[in-house]
Amino acid sequence: MARAASTRRKAATTLIAWTVGLLIFFPIFWTVLTSFKPEAQAIAMPPRLWNFDWTLENYTAVQERSNYFRHFWNSVIISVGSTLIGLIIAIPAAWSMAFVPGRGTRNILMWMLSTKMLPAVGVLVPIYLLARDTGLLDSRILLVGVLTMINLPIIVWMLYTYFREIPGEILEAARMDGATLRSEILYVLTPMAVPGIASTLLLNVILAWNEAFWTLNLTAARSAPLTAFIASYSSPEGLFYAKLSAASTMAIAPILILGWFSQKQLVRGLTFGAVK
C-alpha cells in the first residue's frame, strides 16, 4: 500500500511538473510560431496553429529595418559587464558578512534587499538628469553602472547564502598556513564556491539581458540593447505582431541557448549547500 501510494505521488508530481513547464513554455512557443506567419495570419481569429503560410519575410524585414548585431553586442556588453563588476564588488562584501559578521550584518542585508522594493520610476528623473549633465546619456557605460547597482543586492544575497555553507575552519586553516586576505578569497574561497558563483553570474546575466525599463528610458539608438530593439516594433499605427514576434525570437534566442547549455551548472549552483 505504501509503495503504491508513493508511486501515485511521484506520478502526480511528474504530471504537475510537466503541466507547469508546458504552461511556462507555451508563450515562447507561440511567439516563435507567430514569427513565421504572414502579418495578416498572425492576427487571424481563431488563431492558426499549423495551417498557415510559413514564411521568413518577418526575419528579413527585421534585419532590413534594424541592425540586429549592434543591439546584440550592446546587450552582451551591458549584461556581462554589469554582472562581472557586480561580482567583483559582491564577493568581498559577501565574504565579510558570511565569515566576519557584525551586529548589524542582518540589518544591512535586509536594507540591501529592501532597495529592490523601490519603484524604479521613483529614481528615474535624478538618474536621467545626472546622466544628461555628465554626458553619459545613451551610453553603455551608464547602463553597465545602473544595472550593476540594481542587481548588486541580489548578487550579494546569493553569494552570502553560498558562502555560509562553506566551513569557516577551512579559511582558518588557510590563515594559519600564512594565506593573506587576498589569497584567502581568490585561491581558497572562490574555487570552493564556483557552483554558487556560476549560478549567480548566469542568473544576473539573464536579469540584465531582460531589463527593459532602464534601457528604454536611458538609451536612444547608439547603446540600445535588444529590449529596445523589440520595443521599436510598437508604433502609433499599431503592433506588427509577426515582426514583433520575429524580433522577440531573435532577442531571446541567445539567452535561451545559454540557459540550455548551462542548465546543469545553474541547477547545481542553485542547490549548492542544500545537502550536507
C-alpha atoms as a PDB file:
ATOM      1  CA  MET A   1       0.000   0.000   0.000  1.00  0.00           C
ATOM      2  CA  ALA A   2       2.746   2.427   0.952  1.00  0.00           C
ATOM      3  CA  ARG A   3       4.649   1.640  -2.229  1.00  0.00           C
ATOM      4  CA  ALA A   4       1.537   2.170  -4.381  1.00  0.00           C
ATOM      5  CA  ALA A   5       0.831   5.495  -2.643  1.00  0.00           C
ATOM      6  CA  SER A   6       4.431   6.585  -3.219  1.00  0.00           C
ATOM      7  CA  THR A   7       4.134   5.684  -6.906  1.00  0.00           C
ATOM      8  CA  ARG A   8       0.930   7.684  -7.231  1.00  0.00           C
ATOM      9  CA  ARG A   9       2.535  10.700  -5.533  1.00  0.00           C
ATOM     10  CA  LYS A  10       5.507  10.546  -7.906  1.00  0.00           C
ATOM     11  CA  ALA A  11       3.189  10.253 -10.901  1.00  0.00           C
ATOM     12  CA  ALA A  12       1.099  13.211  -9.676  1.00  0.00           C
ATOM     13  CA  THR A  13       4.231  15.289  -9.040  1.00  0.00           C
ATOM     14  CA  THR A  14       5.574  14.480 -12.508  1.00  0.00           C
ATOM     15  CA  LEU A  15       2.250  15.405 -14.105  1.00  0.00           C
ATOM     16  CA  ILE A  16       2.099  18.714 -12.231  1.00  0.00           C
ATOM     17  CA  ALA A  17       5.711  19.497 -13.132  1.00  0.00           C
ATOM     18  CA  TRP A  18       5.097  18.808 -16.829  1.00  0.00           C
ATOM     19  CA  THR A  19       1.890  20.882 -16.763  1.00  0.00           C
ATOM     20  CA  VAL A  20       3.625  23.868 -15.160  1.00  0.00           C
ATOM     21  CA  GLY A  21       6.577  23.508 -17.545  1.00  0.00           C
ATOM     22  CA  LEU A  22       4.321  23.458 -20.613  1.00  0.00           C
ATOM     23  CA  LEU A  23       2.349  26.469 -19.374  1.00  0.00           C
ATOM     24  CA  ILE A  24       5.579  28.422 -18.905  1.00  0.00           C
ATOM     25  CA  PHE A  25       6.956  27.308 -22.271  1.00  0.00           C
ATOM     26  CA  PHE A  26       3.776  27.942 -24.293  1.00  0.00           C
ATOM     27  CA  PRO A  27       4.195  31.769 -24.672  1.00  0.00           C
ATOM     28  CA  ILE A  28       7.719  31.221 -26.031  1.00  0.00           C
ATOM     29  CA  PHE A  29       6.456  28.520 -28.376  1.00  0.00           C
ATOM     30  CA  TRP A  30       3.614  30.761 -29.607  1.00  0.00           C
ATOM     31  CA  THR A  31       5.964  33.704 -30.136  1.00  0.00           C
ATOM     32  CA  VAL A  32       8.338  31.603 -32.246  1.00  0.00           C
ATOM     33  CA  LEU A  33       5.420  30.146 -34.211  1.00  0.00           C
ATOM     34  CA  THR A  34       3.917  33.591 -34.857  1.00  0.00           C
ATOM     35  CA  SER A  35       7.243  34.850 -36.173  1.00  0.00           C
ATOM     36  CA  PHE A  36       6.853  32.532 -39.180  1.00  0.00           C
ATOM     37  CA  LYS A  37       3.331  33.729 -40.062  1.00  0.00           C
ATOM     38  CA  PRO A  38       2.390  36.466 -42.527  1.00  0.00           C
ATOM     39  CA  GLU A  39       1.207  39.587 -40.743  1.00  0.00           C
ATOM     40  CA  ALA A  40      -2.445  39.048 -41.688  1.00  0.00           C
ATOM     41  CA  GLN A  41      -2.454  35.464 -40.437  1.00  0.00           C
ATOM     42  CA  ALA A  42      -0.681  36.420 -37.190  1.00  0.00           C
ATOM     43  CA  ILE A  43      -3.817  38.261 -36.030  1.00  0.00           C
ATOM     44  CA  ALA A  44      -6.336  35.847 -37.564  1.00  0.00           C
ATOM     45  CA  MET A  45      -9.224  34.733 -35.350  1.00  0.00           C
ATOM     46  CA  PRO A  46      -9.465  31.954 -34.436  1.00  0.00           C
ATOM     47  CA  PRO A  47      -5.692  31.633 -34.193  1.00  0.00           C
ATOM     48  CA  ARG A  48      -3.997  29.317 -36.657  1.00  0.00           C
ATOM     49  CA  LEU A  49      -1.734  26.759 -35.068  1.00  0.00           C
ATOM     50  CA  TRP A  50      -0.255  24.923 -38.049  1.00  0.00           C
ATOM     51  CA  ASN A  51      -2.381  25.738 -41.098  1.00  0.00           C
ATOM     52  CA  PHE A  52      -0.710  28.961 -42.160  1.00  0.00           C
ATOM     53  CA  ASP A  53       1.724  30.021 -44.863  1.00  0.00           C
ATOM     54  CA  TRP A  54       5.198  29.594 -43.366  1.00  0.00           C
ATOM     55  CA  THR A  55       7.472  32.484 -44.273  1.00  0.00           C
ATOM     56  CA  LEU A  56      10.795  34.081 -43.343  1.00  0.00           C
ATOM     57  CA  GLU A  57       9.755  37.534 -44.529  1.00  0.00           C
ATOM     58  CA  ASN A  58       9.431  38.814 -40.955  1.00  0.00           C
ATOM     59  CA  TYR A  59      13.050  37.996 -40.165  1.00  0.00           C
ATOM     60  CA  THR A  60      14.129  39.593 -43.438  1.00  0.00           C
ATOM     61  CA  ALA A  61      12.112  42.727 -42.648  1.00  0.00           C
ATOM     62  CA  VAL A  62      13.568  42.916 -39.143  1.00  0.00           C
ATOM     63  CA  GLN A  63      17.122  42.659 -40.481  1.00  0.00           C
ATOM     64  CA  GLU A  64      16.466  45.312 -43.131  1.00  0.00           C
ATOM     65  CA  ARG A  65      14.896  47.734 -40.670  1.00  0.00           C
ATOM     66  CA  SER A  66      17.311  47.379 -37.743  1.00  0.00           C
ATOM     67  CA  ASN A  67      20.922  46.460 -37.133  1.00  0.00           C
ATOM     68  CA  TYR A  68      20.330  43.366 -35.030  1.00  0.00           C
ATOM     69  CA  PHE A  69      24.000  42.650 -34.320  1.00  0.00           C
ATOM     70  CA  ARG A  70      24.622  46.158 -32.965  1.00  0.00           C
ATOM     71  CA  HIS A  71      21.775  45.675 -30.469  1.00  0.00           C
ATOM     72  CA  PHE A  72      23.035  42.164 -29.736  1.00  0.00           C
ATOM     73  CA  TRP A  73      26.562  43.320 -28.864  1.00  0.00           C
ATOM     74  CA  ASN A  74      25.154  46.139 -26.744  1.00  0.00           C
ATOM     75  CA  SER A  75      23.180  43.550 -24.772  1.00  0.00           C
ATOM     76  CA  VAL A  76      26.241  41.329 -24.374  1.00  0.00           C
ATOM     77  CA  ILE A  77      28.470  44.165 -23.179  1.00  0.00           C
ATOM     78  CA  ILE A  78      25.861  45.611 -20.820  1.00  0.00           C
ATOM     79  CA  SER A  79      24.735  42.319 -19.253  1.00  0.00           C
ATOM     80  CA  VAL A  80      28.156  40.675 -18.946  1.00  0.00           C
ATOM     81  CA  GLY A  81      29.890  43.906 -17.912  1.00  0.00           C
ATOM     82  CA  SER A  82      27.385  44.741 -15.169  1.00  0.00           C
ATOM     83  CA  THR A  83      27.469  41.167 -13.861  1.00  0.00           C
ATOM     84  CA  LEU A  84      31.285  40.964 -13.711  1.00  0.00           C
ATOM     85  CA  ILE A  85      31.598  44.324 -11.958  1.00  0.00           C
ATOM     86  CA  GLY A  86      28.852  43.251  -9.565  1.00  0.00           C
ATOM     87  CA  LEU A  87      30.747  40.043  -8.749  1.00  0.00           C
ATOM     88  CA  ILE A  88      33.978  41.949  -8.136  1.00  0.00           C
ATOM     89  CA  ILE A  89      32.174  44.128  -5.590  1.00  0.00           C
ATOM     90  CA  ALA A  90      29.921  41.424  -4.120  1.00  0.00           C
ATOM     91  CA  ILE A  91      32.447  38.650  -3.435  1.00  0.00           C
ATOM     92  CA  PRO A  92      34.422  40.618  -0.794  1.00  0.00           C
ATOM     93  CA  ALA A  93      31.181  42.029   0.628  1.00  0.00           C
ATOM     94  CA  ALA A  94      29.570  38.587   0.917  1.00  0.00           C
ATOM     95  CA  TRP A  95      32.808  37.175   2.397  1.00  0.00           C
ATOM     96  CA  SER A  96      32.864  39.775   5.150  1.00  0.00           C
ATOM     97  CA  MET A  97      29.190  39.273   6.001  1.00  0.00           C
ATOM     98  CA  ALA A  98      29.438  35.474   5.974  1.00  0.00           C
ATOM     99  CA  PHE A  99      32.718  34.993   7.861  1.00  0.00           C
ATOM    100  CA  VAL A 100      33.181  38.237   9.832  1.00  0.00           C
ATOM    101  CA  PRO A 101      29.587  39.139  10.711  1.00  0.00           C
ATOM    102  CA  GLY A 102      28.861  42.131  12.885  1.00  0.00           C
ATOM    103  CA  ARG A 103      25.895  43.114  14.976  1.00  0.00           C
ATOM    104  CA  GLY A 104      24.334  44.962  12.055  1.00  0.00           C
ATOM    105  CA  THR A 105      25.045  42.420   9.310  1.00  0.00           C
ATOM    106  CA  ARG A 106      21.485  41.116   9.154  1.00  0.00           C
ATOM    107  CA  ASN A 107      20.084  44.650   9.091  1.00  0.00           C
ATOM    108  CA  ILE A 108      22.452  45.604   6.269  1.00  0.00           C
ATOM    109  CA  LEU A 109      21.380  42.582   4.250  1.00  0.00           C
ATOM    110  CA  MET A 110      17.702  43.381   4.781  1.00  0.00           C
ATOM    111  CA  TRP A 111      18.299  47.025   3.856  1.00  0.00           C
ATOM    112  CA  MET A 112      20.054  45.979   0.637  1.00  0.00           C
ATOM    113  CA  LEU A 113      17.165  43.690  -0.251  1.00  0.00           C
ATOM    114  CA  SER A 114      14.605  46.379   0.563  1.00  0.00           C
ATOM    115  CA  THR A 115      16.097  48.611  -2.154  1.00  0.00           C
ATOM    116  CA  LYS A 116      14.641  46.166  -4.708  1.00  0.00           C
ATOM    117  CA  MET A 117      11.178  47.125  -3.454  1.00  0.00           C
ATOM    118  CA  LEU A 118      11.669  50.759  -4.505  1.00  0.00           C
ATOM    119  CA  PRO A 119       9.757  51.556  -7.711  1.00  0.00           C
ATOM    120  CA  ALA A 120      12.309  52.237 -10.433  1.00  0.00           C
ATOM    121  CA  VAL A 121      10.333  55.214 -11.697  1.00  0.00           C
ATOM    122  CA  GLY A 122      10.926  56.899  -8.330  1.00  0.00           C
ATOM    123  CA  VAL A 123      14.644  57.393  -9.091  1.00  0.00           C
ATOM    124  CA  LEU A 124      14.431  57.714 -12.866  1.00  0.00           C
ATOM    125  CA  VAL A 125      14.403  61.510 -13.013  1.00  0.00           C
ATOM    126  CA  PRO A 126      17.534  62.160 -10.875  1.00  0.00           C
ATOM    127  CA  ILE A 127      19.492  59.415 -12.668  1.00  0.00           C
ATOM    128  CA  TYR A 128      18.359  60.747 -16.056  1.00  0.00           C
ATOM    129  CA  LEU A 129      19.366  64.321 -15.174  1.00  0.00           C
ATOM    130  CA  LEU A 130      22.695  63.172 -13.751  1.00  0.00           C
ATOM    131  CA  ALA A 131      23.415  61.147 -16.910  1.00  0.00           C
ATOM    132  CA  ARG A 132      22.444  64.085 -19.122  1.00  0.00           C
ATOM    133  CA  ASP A 133      24.630  66.564 -17.245  1.00  0.00           C
ATOM    134  CA  THR A 134      27.656  64.227 -17.295  1.00  0.00           C
ATOM    135  CA  GLY A 135      27.264  63.382 -20.986  1.00  0.00           C
ATOM    136  CA  LEU A 136      26.658  59.684 -20.292  1.00  0.00           C
ATOM    137  CA  LEU A 137      23.111  59.547 -21.617  1.00  0.00           C
ATOM    138  CA  ASP A 138      22.665  56.849 -24.282  1.00  0.00           C
ATOM    139  CA  SER A 139      25.958  55.171 -23.396  1.00  0.00           C
ATOM    140  CA  ARG A 140      26.823  51.606 -22.498  1.00  0.00           C
ATOM    141  CA  ILE A 141      28.904  52.813 -19.535  1.00  0.00           C
ATOM    142  CA  LEU A 142      25.789  54.350 -17.993  1.00  0.00           C
ATOM    143  CA  LEU A 143      23.720  51.186 -18.404  1.00  0.00           C
ATOM    144  CA  VAL A 144      26.513  48.990 -17.038  1.00  0.00           C
ATOM    145  CA  GLY A 145      26.702  51.199 -13.953  1.00  0.00           C
ATOM    146  CA  VAL A 146      22.942  51.385 -13.432  1.00  0.00           C
ATOM    147  CA  LEU A 147      22.351  47.645 -13.876  1.00  0.00           C
ATOM    148  CA  THR A 148      25.290  46.862 -11.593  1.00  0.00           C
ATOM    149  CA  MET A 149      23.684  48.904  -8.811  1.00  0.00           C
ATOM    150  CA  ILE A 150      20.239  47.437  -9.476  1.00  0.00           C
ATOM    151  CA  ASN A 151      21.348  43.788  -9.343  1.00  0.00           C
ATOM    152  CA  LEU A 152      24.058  44.155  -6.679  1.00  0.00           C
ATOM    153  CA  PRO A 153      21.713  43.336  -3.740  1.00  0.00           C
ATOM    154  CA  ILE A 154      20.708  40.068  -5.425  1.00  0.00           C
ATOM    155  CA  ILE A 155      24.335  39.156  -6.154  1.00  0.00           C
ATOM    156  CA  VAL A 156      25.404  39.847  -2.563  1.00  0.00           C
ATOM    157  CA  TRP A 157      22.479  37.900  -1.110  1.00  0.00           C
ATOM    158  CA  MET A 158      23.104  34.861  -3.311  1.00  0.00           C
ATOM    159  CA  LEU A 159      26.847  34.799  -2.635  1.00  0.00           C
ATOM    160  CA  TYR A 160      26.264  35.333   1.087  1.00  0.00           C
ATOM    161  CA  THR A 161      23.967  32.303   1.111  1.00  0.00           C
ATOM    162  CA  TYR A 162      26.525  30.143  -0.707  1.00  0.00           C
ATOM    163  CA  PHE A 163      29.453  31.301   1.424  1.00  0.00           C
ATOM    164  CA  ARG A 164      27.565  30.484   4.619  1.00  0.00           C
ATOM    165  CA  GLU A 165      27.605  26.822   3.573  1.00  0.00           C
ATOM    166  CA  ILE A 166      31.425  26.722   3.397  1.00  0.00           C
ATOM    167  CA  PRO A 167      33.032  25.638   6.697  1.00  0.00           C
ATOM    168  CA  GLY A 168      34.891  28.539   8.271  1.00  0.00           C
ATOM    169  CA  GLU A 169      37.531  26.126   9.575  1.00  0.00           C
ATOM    170  CA  ILE A 170      38.919  25.799   6.041  1.00  0.00           C
ATOM    171  CA  LEU A 171      39.592  29.523   5.853  1.00  0.00           C
ATOM    172  CA  GLU A 172      41.087  29.490   9.341  1.00  0.00           C
ATOM    173  CA  ALA A 173      43.445  26.725   8.274  1.00  0.00           C
ATOM    174  CA  ALA A 174      44.469  28.789   5.246  1.00  0.00           C
ATOM    175  CA  ARG A 175      45.223  31.757   7.509  1.00  0.00           C
ATOM    176  CA  MET A 176      47.334  29.562   9.785  1.00  0.00           C
ATOM    177  CA  ASP A 177      49.314  28.490   6.712  1.00  0.00           C
ATOM    178  CA  GLY A 178      50.074  32.133   6.017  1.00  0.00           C
ATOM    179  CA  ALA A 179      47.421  32.982   3.439  1.00  0.00           C
ATOM    180  CA  THR A 180      46.749  36.685   3.071  1.00  0.00           C
ATOM    181  CA  LEU A 181      43.220  38.059   2.841  1.00  0.00           C
ATOM    182  CA  ARG A 182      43.556  38.357  -0.934  1.00  0.00           C
ATOM    183  CA  SER A 183      44.848  34.775  -1.256  1.00  0.00           C
ATOM    184  CA  GLU A 184      42.118  33.503   1.048  1.00  0.00           C
ATOM    185  CA  ILE A 185      39.367  34.973  -1.144  1.00  0.00           C
ATOM    186  CA  LEU A 186      40.950  34.243  -4.534  1.00  0.00           C
ATOM    187  CA  TYR A 187      42.553  30.844  -4.007  1.00  0.00           C
ATOM    188  CA  VAL A 188      40.531  29.228  -1.206  1.00  0.00           C
ATOM    189  CA  LEU A 189      37.027  30.651  -1.033  1.00  0.00           C
ATOM    190  CA  THR A 190      36.335  31.355  -4.709  1.00  0.00           C
ATOM    191  CA  PRO A 191      37.292  27.862  -6.049  1.00  0.00           C
ATOM    192  CA  MET A 192      35.134  26.203  -3.398  1.00  0.00           C
ATOM    193  CA  ALA A 193      32.144  28.393  -4.295  1.00  0.00           C
ATOM    194  CA  VAL A 194      32.440  28.043  -8.093  1.00  0.00           C
ATOM    195  CA  PRO A 195      28.956  26.435  -8.483  1.00  0.00           C
ATOM    196  CA  GLY A 196      27.322  29.229  -6.492  1.00  0.00           C
ATOM    197  CA  ILE A 197      29.296  31.958  -8.246  1.00  0.00           C
ATOM    198  CA  ALA A 198      28.490  30.455 -11.657  1.00  0.00           C
ATOM    199  CA  SER A 199      24.758  30.292 -10.947  1.00  0.00           C
ATOM    200  CA  THR A 200      24.839  33.860  -9.613  1.00  0.00           C
ATOM    201  CA  LEU A 201      26.625  35.004 -12.760  1.00  0.00           C
ATOM    202  CA  LEU A 202      24.158  33.236 -15.063  1.00  0.00           C
ATOM    203  CA  LEU A 203      21.097  34.494 -13.217  1.00  0.00           C
ATOM    204  CA  ASN A 204      22.292  38.095 -13.232  1.00  0.00           C
ATOM    205  CA  VAL A 205      23.260  37.965 -16.910  1.00  0.00           C
ATOM    206  CA  ILE A 206      19.678  36.889 -17.597  1.00  0.00           C
ATOM    207  CA  LEU A 207      18.255  39.671 -15.406  1.00  0.00           C
ATOM    208  CA  ALA A 208      20.423  42.296 -17.100  1.00  0.00           C
ATOM    209  CA  TRP A 209      19.670  40.899 -20.568  1.00  0.00           C
ATOM    210  CA  ASN A 210      15.926  41.156 -19.959  1.00  0.00           C
ATOM    211  CA  GLU A 211      15.975  44.586 -18.286  1.00  0.00           C
ATOM    212  CA  ALA A 212      13.638  46.892 -20.199  1.00  0.00           C
ATOM    213  CA  PHE A 213      12.691  49.870 -18.012  1.00  0.00           C
ATOM    214  CA  TRP A 214      16.153  51.425 -17.734  1.00  0.00           C
ATOM    215  CA  THR A 215      17.280  50.523 -21.235  1.00  0.00           C
ATOM    216  CA  LEU A 216      14.206  52.130 -22.797  1.00  0.00           C
ATOM    217  CA  ASN A 217      14.491  55.306 -20.716  1.00  0.00           C
ATOM    218  CA  LEU A 218      18.256  55.850 -20.794  1.00  0.00           C
ATOM    219  CA  THR A 219      19.059  54.935 -24.398  1.00  0.00           C
ATOM    220  CA  ALA A 220      18.050  56.210 -27.813  1.00  0.00           C
ATOM    221  CA  ALA A 221      19.968  54.454 -30.576  1.00  0.00           C
ATOM    222  CA  ARG A 222      23.717  54.271 -30.006  1.00  0.00           C
ATOM    223  CA  SER A 223      23.725  51.948 -26.973  1.00  0.00           C
ATOM    224  CA  ALA A 224      20.239  50.458 -27.277  1.00  0.00           C
ATOM    225  CA  PRO A 225      20.200  46.719 -26.407  1.00  0.00           C
ATOM    226  CA  LEU A 226      17.804  44.052 -27.636  1.00  0.00           C
ATOM    227  CA  THR A 227      14.984  45.126 -25.307  1.00  0.00           C
ATOM    228  CA  ALA A 228      14.867  48.468 -27.145  1.00  0.00           C
ATOM    229  CA  PHE A 229      15.151  46.548 -30.423  1.00  0.00           C
ATOM    230  CA  ILE A 230      11.918  44.703 -29.541  1.00  0.00           C
ATOM    231  CA  ALA A 231      10.119  47.842 -28.383  1.00  0.00           C
ATOM    232  CA  SER A 232      10.795  49.545 -31.721  1.00  0.00           C
ATOM    233  CA  TYR A 233       8.119  47.342 -33.324  1.00  0.00           C
ATOM    234  CA  SER A 234       5.396  49.081 -31.358  1.00  0.00           C
ATOM    235  CA  SER A 235       4.269  52.168 -33.262  1.00  0.00           C
ATOM    236  CA  PRO A 236       1.343  54.633 -33.286  1.00  0.00           C
ATOM    237  CA  GLU A 237      -0.062  52.686 -36.239  1.00  0.00           C
ATOM    238  CA  GLY A 238      -0.367  49.597 -34.051  1.00  0.00           C
ATOM    239  CA  LEU A 239       1.549  46.440 -33.269  1.00  0.00           C
ATOM    240  CA  PHE A 240       3.084  44.389 -36.055  1.00  0.00           C
ATOM    241  CA  TYR A 241       2.597  41.054 -34.315  1.00  0.00           C
ATOM    242  CA  ALA A 242       4.524  38.860 -36.738  1.00  0.00           C
ATOM    243  CA  LYS A 243       7.503  41.215 -36.951  1.00  0.00           C
ATOM    244  CA  LEU A 244       7.359  41.817 -33.185  1.00  0.00           C
ATOM    245  CA  SER A 245       7.444  38.045 -32.667  1.00  0.00           C
ATOM    246  CA  ALA A 246      10.406  37.703 -35.021  1.00  0.00           C
ATOM    247  CA  ALA A 247      12.287  40.455 -33.176  1.00  0.00           C
ATOM    248  CA  SER A 248      11.420  38.854 -29.830  1.00  0.00           C
ATOM    249  CA  THR A 249      12.607  35.447 -31.022  1.00  0.00           C
ATOM    250  CA  MET A 250      15.911  36.907 -32.201  1.00  0.00           C
ATOM    251  CA  ALA A 251      16.304  38.695 -28.853  1.00  0.00           C
ATOM    252  CA  ILE A 252      15.577  35.741 -26.579  1.00  0.00           C
ATOM    253  CA  ALA A 253      17.336  33.080 -28.654  1.00  0.00           C
ATOM    254  CA  PRO A 254      20.873  33.802 -27.334  1.00  0.00           C
ATOM    255  CA  ILE A 255      19.801  33.732 -23.682  1.00  0.00           C
ATOM    256  CA  LEU A 256      17.709  30.579 -24.227  1.00  0.00           C
ATOM    257  CA  ILE A 257      20.693  28.838 -25.799  1.00  0.00           C
ATOM    258  CA  LEU A 258      22.912  29.965 -22.914  1.00  0.00           C
ATOM    259  CA  GLY A 259      20.392  28.697 -20.381  1.00  0.00           C
ATOM    260  CA  TRP A 260      20.009  25.378 -22.184  1.00  0.00           C
ATOM    261  CA  PHE A 261      23.730  24.607 -22.270  1.00  0.00           C
ATOM    262  CA  SER A 262      24.354  25.829 -18.728  1.00  0.00           C
ATOM    263  CA  GLN A 263      21.270  24.355 -17.064  1.00  0.00           C
ATOM    264  CA  LYS A 264      23.265  21.678 -15.228  1.00  0.00           C
ATOM    265  CA  GLN A 265      25.620  24.290 -13.782  1.00  0.00           C
ATOM    266  CA  LEU A 266      22.701  26.562 -12.923  1.00  0.00           C
ATOM    267  CA  VAL A 267      20.791  23.834 -11.082  1.00  0.00           C
ATOM    268  CA  ARG A 268      23.963  22.713  -9.323  1.00  0.00           C
ATOM    269  CA  GLY A 269      24.618  26.243  -8.148  1.00  0.00           C
ATOM    270  CA  LEU A 270      21.040  26.881  -7.031  1.00  0.00           C
ATOM    271  CA  THR A 271      21.132  23.686  -4.925  1.00  0.00           C
ATOM    272  CA  PHE A 272      24.662  24.356  -3.657  1.00  0.00           C
ATOM    273  CA  GLY A 273      24.780  23.586   0.055  1.00  0.00           C
ATOM    274  CA  ALA A 274      21.268  22.140   0.095  1.00  0.00           C
ATOM    275  CA  VAL A 275      22.582  18.683   1.029  1.00  0.00           C
ATOM    276  CA  LYS A 276      25.064  18.419   3.867  1.00  0.00           C
END
